[in-house]
Amino acid sequence: MPHMPASAALQRFRVIDLTQVRAGPTCCRQLADWGADVVQVQMPEHMRGDDTLGGQDGSDYQYTHRNKRSITLNLKEAEGIATLKRLIGSADVVVENFRPDVKFRLGIDYETLAKDNPRLVFASISGYGQTGPYAQRPGFDQIAQGMGGLMSVTGQPEHGPTRVGIAIADLCAGIFAAQGILVALLERDASGRGQWVHTSLLEAMVYMMDFQTARWTIDGEIPKQAGNFHPTSIPTGVYKARDGYMNIAVFGSKIWERFCQILGAPEWITDQRYHDKASRSVNRDALNAEINKRLATHDRAHWVREFNEGGVACGLINDMPGVFEEPQVQHLGMLKEVVSPHHGLQKLVGQPMQLTRTPSTIARSTPRRGEHTEEILAELGYAPGDLARMKANGVY
């Protein structure tokens, strides 16, 4: 079936998705969820490598590739490359995450493609950047987490560096690439010309270090691991109530005073050990022990209610079932339903931002590899006889 836009916002754009694994597919999912006609180009089934997330029937793959169409093309055949270029001729955007030299070898780099399609926005995602001493290194999320500094500030000091529990470098690189594509499309409206957008896992991680980088580049301070506690705002972190753990965040002197009153410890407000930020930093361990002692008198639900009603940020630490039991998560409608012809009813998390006039939905479940090949090639003008010949010759 033809393109089924998930939103009216980007439905006028066609995106050619040459990516695999996570960072690139995340970028293209962002565009697909807002209505772009994303055409996922994959190698034929008999030629594919290990390029899927847990197999195409796995939950990870199903979540990542919704709202796309899929075709197969054999890019090792001249006619496969020629067909891809014809497809790109109809597109606004190409996204790839090959190693930097591969696109040049295939003749599908930005400069080559822009000669025939000067309005093309070409986006590249790599491990370390398109040039430089590490450009040809293989990229991987956890490697970028380490090199970008994230693991040096994550986890308990006595346990060594710790990775984040999601593929944060991949995800951020993909989202930044999508943002760059949208910026380039906006600029194209003024100039009439496309351009090359590129980012990397390493750049994404360095950028995401945010205030931790400023502590070094401006203050000359090397950030360290602070475990479950905020490195500079105290008390902010994980605390234990009678029935389990929760997060409490105390920012600023006014909120500190509210916190003390709610906890039944107004004397802390003037206690020389705790009365200001610097004192609380020096005496962090003693303060946290006293806080946990008082929190142990009630369950988490009591404290979450009391602190929030008193203007102090506090929330449960949920496992996945708990996340979707949260009344606010349910109210926000973050779980969307789609019926897959291959897997039946699926529930997937939708986009985390709301556009009131052109909302995003999940209009199409994840396709099987090559499910729309003949449909899309027919849209490009290939006749049934051409398709039969191409299939027989292993072009798709």
Protein backbone atom coordinates (compact mmCIF):
# COMPACT_ATOMS: atom_id res chain seq x y z
CA MET A 1 0.00 0.00 0.00
CA PRO A 2 1.21 3.59 -0.56
CA HIS A 3 2.75 5.85 2.03
CA MET A 4 0.63 6.11 5.20
CA PRO A 5 1.87 9.28 6.96
CA ALA A 6 1.98 9.09 10.75
CA SER A 7 1.54 12.88 10.89
CA ALA A 8 0.79 15.70 8.49
CA ALA A 9 3.86 17.59 9.71
CA LEU A 10 6.51 16.03 7.42
CA GLN A 11 4.38 14.09 4.95
CA ARG A 12 5.70 16.07 1.96
CA PHE A 13 9.24 14.72 2.47
CA ARG A 14 10.72 11.46 1.26
CA VAL A 15 13.65 9.99 3.22
CA ILE A 16 15.91 7.19 2.01
CA ASP A 17 17.10 5.19 5.02
CA LEU A 18 20.39 3.40 4.30
CA THR A 19 21.11 2.78 7.97
CA GLN A 20 21.28 -0.22 10.26
CA VAL A 21 21.61 -1.15 13.95
CA ARG A 22 20.42 1.81 16.11
CA ALA A 23 21.72 5.37 15.66
CA GLY A 24 20.68 5.75 12.02
CA PRO A 25 17.37 3.90 12.38
CA THR A 26 16.56 6.12 15.39
CA CYS A 27 17.12 9.22 13.25
CA CYS A 28 14.83 7.87 10.53
CA ARG A 29 12.20 6.77 13.04
CA GLN A 30 12.01 10.37 14.27
CA LEU A 31 11.26 11.55 10.74
CA ALA A 32 8.84 8.69 10.02
CA ASP A 33 6.89 9.31 13.22
CA TRP A 34 6.28 12.88 12.07
CA GLY A 35 4.97 11.76 8.69
CA ALA A 36 7.93 11.54 6.32
CA ASP A 37 7.83 8.79 3.72
CA VAL A 38 10.81 6.82 5.00
CA VAL A 39 11.97 4.11 2.61
CA GLN A 40 14.27 1.65 4.34
CA VAL A 41 16.78 0.17 1.89
CA GLN A 42 18.24 -3.19 2.93
CA MET A 43 20.28 -5.92 1.30
CA PRO A 44 18.25 -8.91 0.05
CA GLU A 45 17.51 -11.56 2.66
CA HIS A 46 20.03 -14.04 1.32
CA MET A 47 22.82 -11.42 1.46
CA ARG A 48 22.12 -9.73 4.74
CA GLY A 49 24.63 -9.67 7.54
CA ASP A 50 23.84 -9.32 11.21
CA ASP A 51 22.28 -5.90 10.68
CA THR A 52 19.12 -6.20 12.72
CA LEU A 53 18.31 -5.54 16.35
CA GLY A 54 17.68 -9.01 17.72
CA GLY A 55 16.24 -10.24 14.41
CA GLN A 56 13.45 -8.55 12.47
CA ASP A 57 10.78 -10.24 14.57
CA GLY A 58 12.33 -9.07 17.85
CA SER A 59 10.77 -6.36 20.01
CA ASP A 60 13.73 -4.01 19.56
CA TYR A 61 13.52 -4.13 15.77
CA GLN A 62 9.73 -3.81 15.83
CA TYR A 63 9.97 -0.69 17.99
CA THR A 64 12.70 0.96 15.93
CA HIS A 65 11.35 0.59 12.38
CA ARG A 66 7.67 1.43 12.66
CA ASN A 67 6.09 3.91 10.21
CA LYS A 68 8.59 2.97 7.45
CA ARG A 69 8.39 1.13 4.17
CA SER A 70 11.08 -1.41 3.22
CA ILE A 71 12.71 -2.37 -0.04
CA THR A 72 15.71 -4.57 -0.80
CA LEU A 73 18.45 -3.66 -3.26
CA ASN A 74 21.69 -5.47 -3.95
CA LEU A 75 24.23 -2.66 -3.73
CA LYS A 76 26.97 -5.00 -4.93
CA GLU A 77 25.35 -4.98 -8.37
CA ALA A 78 25.65 -2.02 -10.74
CA GLU A 79 21.91 -2.07 -11.42
CA GLY A 80 21.23 -2.07 -7.68
CA ILE A 81 23.28 1.12 -7.30
CA ALA A 82 21.62 2.64 -10.37
CA THR A 83 18.20 1.84 -8.94
CA LEU A 84 19.16 3.36 -5.60
CA LYS A 85 20.28 6.55 -7.35
CA ARG A 86 16.97 6.69 -9.18
CA LEU A 87 15.19 6.32 -5.85
CA ILE A 88 17.34 9.07 -4.32
CA GLY A 89 16.43 11.30 -7.26
CA SER A 90 12.87 11.34 -5.91
CA ALA A 91 13.98 12.04 -2.33
CA ASP A 92 14.54 15.02 -0.08
CA VAL A 93 16.81 13.28 2.43
CA VAL A 94 19.29 10.40 2.52
CA VAL A 95 20.52 9.03 5.85
CA GLU A 96 23.48 6.64 6.08
CA ASN A 97 25.73 5.25 8.78
CA PHE A 98 28.31 3.35 6.73
CA ARG A 99 31.94 3.68 7.68
CA PRO A 100 33.03 7.03 6.21
CA ASP A 101 34.78 5.60 3.12
CA VAL A 102 31.97 3.27 2.00
CA LYS A 103 29.68 5.89 0.45
CA PHE A 104 32.51 7.20 -1.71
CA ARG A 105 33.38 3.71 -2.87
CA LEU A 106 29.74 3.11 -3.85
CA GLY A 107 29.44 6.50 -5.54
CA ILE A 108 26.58 7.62 -3.27
CA ASP A 109 28.37 10.37 -1.34
CA TYR A 110 26.81 13.82 -1.02
CA GLU A 111 28.88 15.60 -3.68
CA THR A 112 28.11 12.92 -6.27
CA LEU A 113 24.39 12.76 -5.54
CA ALA A 114 23.98 16.54 -5.27
CA LYS A 115 25.03 16.95 -8.91
CA ASP A 116 21.72 15.39 -9.96
CA ASN A 117 19.69 16.44 -6.90
CA PRO A 118 21.04 19.78 -5.60
CA ARG A 119 18.19 20.08 -3.10
CA LEU A 120 19.21 16.82 -1.40
CA VAL A 121 19.91 16.84 2.34
CA PHE A 122 22.42 14.07 3.00
CA ALA A 123 22.93 12.95 6.61
CA SER A 124 25.79 10.78 7.88
CA ILE A 125 26.16 9.24 11.33
CA SER A 126 29.44 7.64 12.31
CA GLY A 127 31.33 6.54 15.39
CA TYR A 128 33.87 9.35 15.49
CA GLY A 129 33.28 11.78 12.62
CA GLN A 130 33.85 11.81 8.88
CA THR A 131 37.52 12.81 9.07
CA GLY A 132 40.33 12.70 11.61
CA PRO A 133 42.60 10.08 13.18
CA TYR A 134 39.73 7.88 14.41
CA ALA A 135 37.39 8.24 11.41
CA GLN A 136 37.86 4.67 10.19
CA ARG A 137 37.49 3.04 13.59
CA PRO A 138 34.37 0.92 14.17
CA GLY A 139 31.91 2.76 16.39
CA PHE A 140 29.91 1.28 19.24
CA ASP A 141 27.68 2.89 21.86
CA GLN A 142 29.54 1.82 24.98
CA ILE A 143 32.90 2.83 23.48
CA ALA A 144 31.49 6.34 22.92
CA GLN A 145 30.07 6.44 26.45
CA GLY A 146 33.57 5.82 27.75
CA MET A 147 35.49 8.10 25.40
CA GLY A 148 32.99 10.95 25.78
CA GLY A 149 33.36 10.99 29.58
CA LEU A 150 29.94 9.69 30.61
CA MET A 151 31.20 6.51 32.28
CA SER A 152 33.68 8.50 34.39
CA VAL A 153 30.83 10.27 36.20
CA THR A 154 28.34 7.37 36.30
CA GLY A 155 28.11 4.78 39.07
CA GLN A 156 29.49 4.39 42.57
CA PRO A 157 33.08 5.63 43.09
CA GLU A 158 34.21 2.36 44.66
CA HIS A 159 32.88 0.24 41.78
CA GLY A 160 34.74 1.82 38.86
CA PRO A 161 33.26 3.36 35.69
CA THR A 162 29.70 2.38 34.82
CA ARG A 163 27.79 2.40 31.55
CA VAL A 164 24.32 3.89 31.25
CA GLY A 165 21.58 1.27 30.93
CA ILE A 166 20.44 2.38 27.46
CA ALA A 167 22.32 3.00 24.20
CA ILE A 168 22.53 6.69 25.00
CA ALA A 169 25.26 7.55 22.47
CA ASP A 170 23.39 5.86 19.62
CA LEU A 171 20.08 7.43 20.58
CA CYS A 172 21.46 10.94 21.00
CA ALA A 173 23.42 10.78 17.76
CA GLY A 174 20.27 9.67 15.95
CA ILE A 175 18.15 12.42 17.46
CA PHE A 176 20.79 15.08 16.76
CA ALA A 177 21.01 13.88 13.16
CA ALA A 178 17.24 14.23 12.82
CA GLN A 179 17.44 17.73 14.25
CA GLY A 180 20.23 18.60 11.81
CA ILE A 181 18.13 17.30 8.91
CA LEU A 182 15.20 19.48 9.95
CA VAL A 183 17.48 22.52 10.24
CA ALA A 184 18.86 21.81 6.75
CA LEU A 185 15.35 21.44 5.32
CA LEU A 186 14.34 24.77 6.84
CA GLU A 187 17.46 26.42 5.39
CA ARG A 188 16.70 24.85 2.01
CA ASP A 189 13.46 26.82 1.91
CA ALA A 190 15.56 29.99 1.78
CA SER A 191 18.53 28.88 -0.33
CA GLY A 192 16.97 26.21 -2.53
CA ARG A 193 19.99 24.00 -1.86
CA GLY A 194 20.59 20.94 0.25
CA GLN A 195 23.73 20.20 2.24
CA TRP A 196 25.66 17.50 4.06
CA VAL A 197 24.72 16.99 7.71
CA HIS A 198 26.96 14.78 9.79
CA THR A 199 27.32 13.84 13.43
CA SER A 200 28.82 10.99 15.42
CA LEU A 201 28.42 8.98 18.59
CA LEU A 202 31.48 10.68 20.07
CA GLU A 203 30.23 14.20 19.32
CA ALA A 204 26.84 13.34 20.77
CA MET A 205 28.39 12.09 24.01
CA VAL A 206 30.72 15.05 24.46
CA TYR A 207 27.80 17.43 23.90
CA MET A 208 25.53 15.53 26.28
CA MET A 209 28.04 15.90 29.11
CA ASP A 210 26.66 19.44 29.33
CA PHE A 211 27.41 21.07 32.72
CA GLN A 212 30.04 18.44 33.46
CA THR A 213 32.12 19.72 30.54
CA ALA A 214 31.75 23.29 31.80
CA ARG A 215 33.02 22.24 35.21
CA TRP A 216 36.24 21.28 33.44
CA THR A 217 36.54 23.81 30.58
CA ILE A 218 35.57 26.83 32.71
CA ASP A 219 36.25 25.90 36.34
CA GLY A 220 39.16 23.51 35.79
CA GLU A 221 37.42 20.91 37.97
CA ILE A 222 37.52 17.24 36.97
CA PRO A 223 34.04 15.77 37.61
CA LYS A 224 33.99 12.51 39.53
CA GLN A 225 31.47 9.77 40.14
CA ALA A 226 28.80 10.73 42.63
CA GLY A 227 26.76 7.53 42.52
CA ASN A 228 23.06 8.17 42.87
CA PHE A 229 23.58 11.67 44.24
CA HIS A 230 23.80 14.93 42.34
CA PRO A 231 27.40 16.12 42.23
CA THR A 232 26.70 19.73 43.24
CA SER A 233 23.12 20.01 44.58
CA ILE A 234 22.74 18.46 48.03
CA PRO A 235 20.57 16.69 49.07
CA THR A 236 19.53 15.37 45.68
CA GLY A 237 19.57 11.67 44.92
CA VAL A 238 18.25 8.25 45.86
CA TYR A 239 16.83 7.79 49.36
CA LYS A 240 15.18 4.86 51.09
CA ALA A 241 11.74 4.97 52.63
CA ARG A 242 10.20 2.17 54.66
CA ASP A 243 9.17 0.16 51.59
CA GLY A 244 11.83 1.03 49.03
CA TYR A 245 13.74 3.66 47.12
CA MET A 246 12.75 7.01 45.66
CA ASN A 247 14.36 10.16 44.26
CA ILE A 248 14.30 13.50 46.03
CA ALA A 249 15.65 16.73 44.51
CA VAL A 250 16.40 19.77 46.68
CA PHE A 251 17.60 22.78 44.68
CA GLY A 252 18.13 26.11 46.39
CA SER A 253 17.79 27.47 49.93
CA LYS A 254 14.01 27.93 49.89
CA ILE A 255 13.38 24.35 48.83
CA TRP A 256 15.92 23.17 51.42
CA GLU A 257 13.87 24.91 54.11
CA ARG A 258 10.65 23.30 52.85
CA PHE A 259 12.35 19.92 52.79
CA CYS A 260 13.49 20.26 56.41
CA GLN A 261 10.01 21.26 57.58
CA ILE A 262 8.31 18.35 55.79
CA LEU A 263 10.86 15.89 57.12
CA GLY A 264 10.27 17.17 60.67
CA ALA A 265 13.78 18.55 61.03
CA PRO A 266 13.43 22.38 61.08
CA GLU A 267 16.58 22.60 63.20
CA TRP A 268 18.65 21.63 60.15
CA ILE A 269 17.89 25.00 58.60
CA THR A 270 20.23 26.73 61.07
CA ASP A 271 22.51 23.78 61.85
CA GLN A 272 26.04 24.85 60.94
CA ARG A 273 26.68 21.46 59.35
CA TYR A 274 23.83 21.85 56.88
CA HIS A 275 22.69 25.47 56.73
CA ASP A 276 24.21 26.27 53.31
CA LYS A 277 25.20 24.44 50.13
CA ALA A 278 28.92 24.34 50.95
CA SER A 279 28.31 22.90 54.42
CA ARG A 280 25.95 20.26 53.10
CA SER A 281 28.58 19.26 50.54
CA VAL A 282 31.23 18.73 53.22
CA ASN A 283 28.82 16.81 55.44
CA ARG A 284 26.96 14.96 52.66
CA ASP A 285 27.30 11.44 54.14
CA ALA A 286 26.14 12.42 57.62
CA LEU A 287 23.20 14.36 56.20
CA ASN A 288 22.13 11.50 53.94
CA ALA A 289 22.23 9.05 56.86
CA GLU A 290 19.98 11.32 58.92
CA ILE A 291 17.59 11.79 56.00
CA ASN A 292 17.26 8.03 55.45
CA LYS A 293 16.65 7.51 59.18
CA ARG A 294 13.67 9.86 59.09
CA LEU A 295 12.35 8.56 55.77
CA ALA A 296 12.25 5.02 57.20
CA THR A 297 9.24 5.97 59.34
CA HIS A 298 6.83 5.97 56.36
CA ASP A 299 6.27 4.31 52.98
CA ARG A 300 7.25 5.92 49.70
CA ALA A 301 3.68 6.89 48.81
CA HIS A 302 3.48 9.04 51.94
CA TRP A 303 6.70 10.90 51.17
CA VAL A 304 5.97 11.33 47.47
CA ARG A 305 2.66 12.94 48.39
CA GLU A 306 4.04 15.09 51.22
CA PHE A 307 7.07 16.38 49.37
CA ASN A 308 5.26 17.19 46.14
CA GLU A 309 2.42 18.93 47.94
CA GLY A 310 5.07 20.93 49.78
CA GLY A 311 6.86 21.96 46.57
CA VAL A 312 9.81 19.56 46.84
CA ALA A 313 10.42 17.33 43.80
CA CYS A 314 10.08 13.64 44.65
CA GLY A 315 9.21 10.53 42.67
CA LEU A 316 9.26 6.75 42.70
CA ILE A 317 12.05 4.74 41.10
CA ASN A 318 10.04 2.52 38.79
CA ASP A 319 10.73 -0.70 36.99
CA MET A 320 9.10 -1.01 33.57
CA PRO A 321 5.70 -2.17 34.87
CA GLY A 322 5.77 0.71 37.33
CA VAL A 323 6.48 3.23 34.60
CA PHE A 324 3.30 2.37 32.74
CA GLU A 325 1.26 2.19 35.95
CA GLU A 326 2.05 5.85 36.67
CA PRO A 327 -1.20 7.84 36.27
CA GLN A 328 0.66 10.69 34.56
CA VAL A 329 2.26 8.38 31.99
CA GLN A 330 -1.19 6.97 31.25
CA HIS A 331 -2.65 10.48 31.01
CA LEU A 332 0.05 11.51 28.52
CA GLY A 333 -0.92 8.59 26.27
CA MET A 334 2.65 7.60 25.53
CA LEU A 335 1.74 4.01 24.65
CA LYS A 336 0.35 3.71 21.14
CA GLU A 337 -1.29 0.69 19.56
CA VAL A 338 -0.74 -0.64 16.07
CA VAL A 339 -1.81 -3.90 14.45
CA SER A 340 0.99 -5.75 12.68
CA PRO A 341 -0.03 -8.16 9.91
CA HIS A 342 2.80 -10.38 11.12
CA HIS A 343 2.55 -10.07 14.92
CA GLY A 344 -0.94 -8.83 15.75
CA LEU A 345 -1.61 -6.03 18.25
CA GLN A 346 1.51 -4.22 19.43
CA LYS A 347 1.95 -1.48 22.03
CA LEU A 348 4.85 0.90 21.35
CA VAL A 349 6.01 4.13 22.96
CA GLY A 350 5.20 7.11 20.78
CA GLN A 351 6.91 10.47 20.39
CA PRO A 352 7.68 12.42 23.59
CA MET A 353 6.44 15.78 22.32
CA GLN A 354 2.96 16.93 21.41
CA LEU A 355 1.96 18.99 18.38
CA THR A 356 -1.65 19.99 18.77
CA ARG A 357 -2.49 20.45 15.09
CA THR A 358 -0.28 17.80 13.48
CA PRO A 359 0.17 15.08 16.11
CA SER A 360 2.27 11.96 15.62
CA THR A 361 0.89 8.46 15.74
CA ILE A 362 1.95 4.99 14.68
CA ALA A 363 0.25 4.49 11.35
CA ARG A 364 2.17 1.45 10.17
CA SER A 365 3.86 -1.43 11.97
CA THR A 366 7.42 -2.42 11.18
CA PRO A 367 7.64 -4.00 7.71
CA ARG A 368 9.31 -7.23 6.78
CA ARG A 369 12.57 -6.90 4.84
CA GLY A 370 11.71 -5.87 1.28
CA GLU A 371 7.96 -5.91 1.91
CA HIS A 372 7.37 -2.85 -0.30
CA THR A 373 10.06 -3.33 -2.94
CA GLU A 374 7.84 -3.79 -5.95
CA GLU A 375 5.36 -1.17 -4.75
CA ILE A 376 8.05 1.52 -4.43
CA LEU A 377 9.87 0.60 -7.63
CA ALA A 378 6.56 0.76 -9.48
CA GLU A 379 6.10 4.28 -8.07
CA LEU A 380 9.43 5.14 -9.72
CA GLY A 381 8.11 3.94 -13.08
CA TYR A 382 9.52 0.42 -13.29
CA ALA A 383 7.25 -1.81 -15.39
CA PRO A 384 6.24 -5.35 -14.32
CA GLY A 385 8.65 -6.81 -16.86
CA ASP A 386 11.50 -4.75 -15.44
CA LEU A 387 10.71 -5.98 -11.95
CA ALA A 388 10.61 -9.60 -13.02
CA ARG A 389 13.97 -9.27 -14.77
CA MET A 390 15.56 -7.45 -11.83
CA LYS A 391 14.33 -10.05 -9.36
CA ALA A 392 15.65 -12.88 -11.55
CA ASN A 393 19.02 -11.14 -11.76
CA GLY A 394 19.26 -10.69 -7.99
CA VAL A 395 18.98 -6.89 -8.06
CA TYR A 396 16.46 -7.04 -5.21
